[in-house]
């Protein structure tokens, strides 16, 4: 017999992927340039030239076995050392290479981190709005996801509800800042308050509650700000990172778990990740991409287009009467729909070839997500279409 669990998942496919597939099909009919597809968070800018040049140099000149051979289970030592040095330099941490575990992107990092600090039956808290793929990421480890309702005014953590949900069954808390889908950056005040809560509850429960910080958008920050480094606020933190956004190489699947050296079992967790790999078939990311990443881990693509696009959309949505929290980073914005049913709202938008994602599955019913990782020229062409959509369907918006 086949696995009924995964068979049942076929009827519950990602809304984001479904809408992206719709946009692609619609594009074949009218030309994809005429479909304003804001569904999928796929980085739209090229990788930095330094990454391309490094990879080409390695392909031309590096000894083949080193370049294409199996890497050590825990990652290439010099790669781990360079990532640790970068984090220490940028965030005043004290990692060593032994605290770094290279993975296949942030998803691979989460797969390992979750299994390292939970066991079947444990609970993992997430804060709405949240990335809906956290559901299978967590539940398929044998742990159980618990979603703390959102603070719909700010999209910071709803601490009043968090107090209720943080019980002794919680082994870990998973956060994502800057946040997909809202674009909100957790403030230092929010992170300090979260650290205080986890410290207090860990003492009360008699076991440490781990914090898993999912940070693939850490470098996409707006208004001249910097993202607070989460592990600075709480010792028992596992940082999950991806270079998909910073280096704009999502298809290369490269990231890492960084274990705070002050964390409980800090010296054991990376070796444990190597054993977890044996069970989930991870078995090391590409040697070439690991090596190229290590040489360019302080570099980024030109990410400024995302802030340009955000400002265009934020100004337009506010002008049209939408309630919307200004993003602090990422390439997402999440306005409140102009009717109670965001699914119906997004269905009406499709008639104007505007592809938005209702945020019900993100834990924020009544809102919708707009992924603006597309060319600015296309965003500019979308604005009159958005105005037309609102004028014809919600003539009293903003009044």
Foldseek 3Di string as FASTA:
>chain_A
DDDVVVVVCVVVDDLLVVLVVVLVVVCVVVNSLQFAAQRDQAFQFAFDVLLVVLLVCCVVDPDVCLQFNAAPLQGHQLLLQLVQVVCCVPAVARFGSLQKGKFQALLRALLQVLLLFDAAAAEEEEEPLADLVVQCSNVVRNYHYDYQAAPVQARQGPVVSVVVVDDLSHQEYEYEAVGPPALAGHDPVSLLVVQVVQVVVCVVNVHHRAYEYEYAFQPFFDDPDHHNDNCVRHQRYKYRYGCCAFRVCSVQRITIIGHRPSHVCSSPSSVVSSVVCVVPVRRDGRSSSSVSCSVQVVHGTPNVQLVVLLVLVVVLCVVQQWAWHRRRGDNKTKTFAPDQAVVVSQVLLVVLSHHWAQSVSSNDRRIIMGRRSHGPVSSVVCSVSVVVSCCVPPVPRND
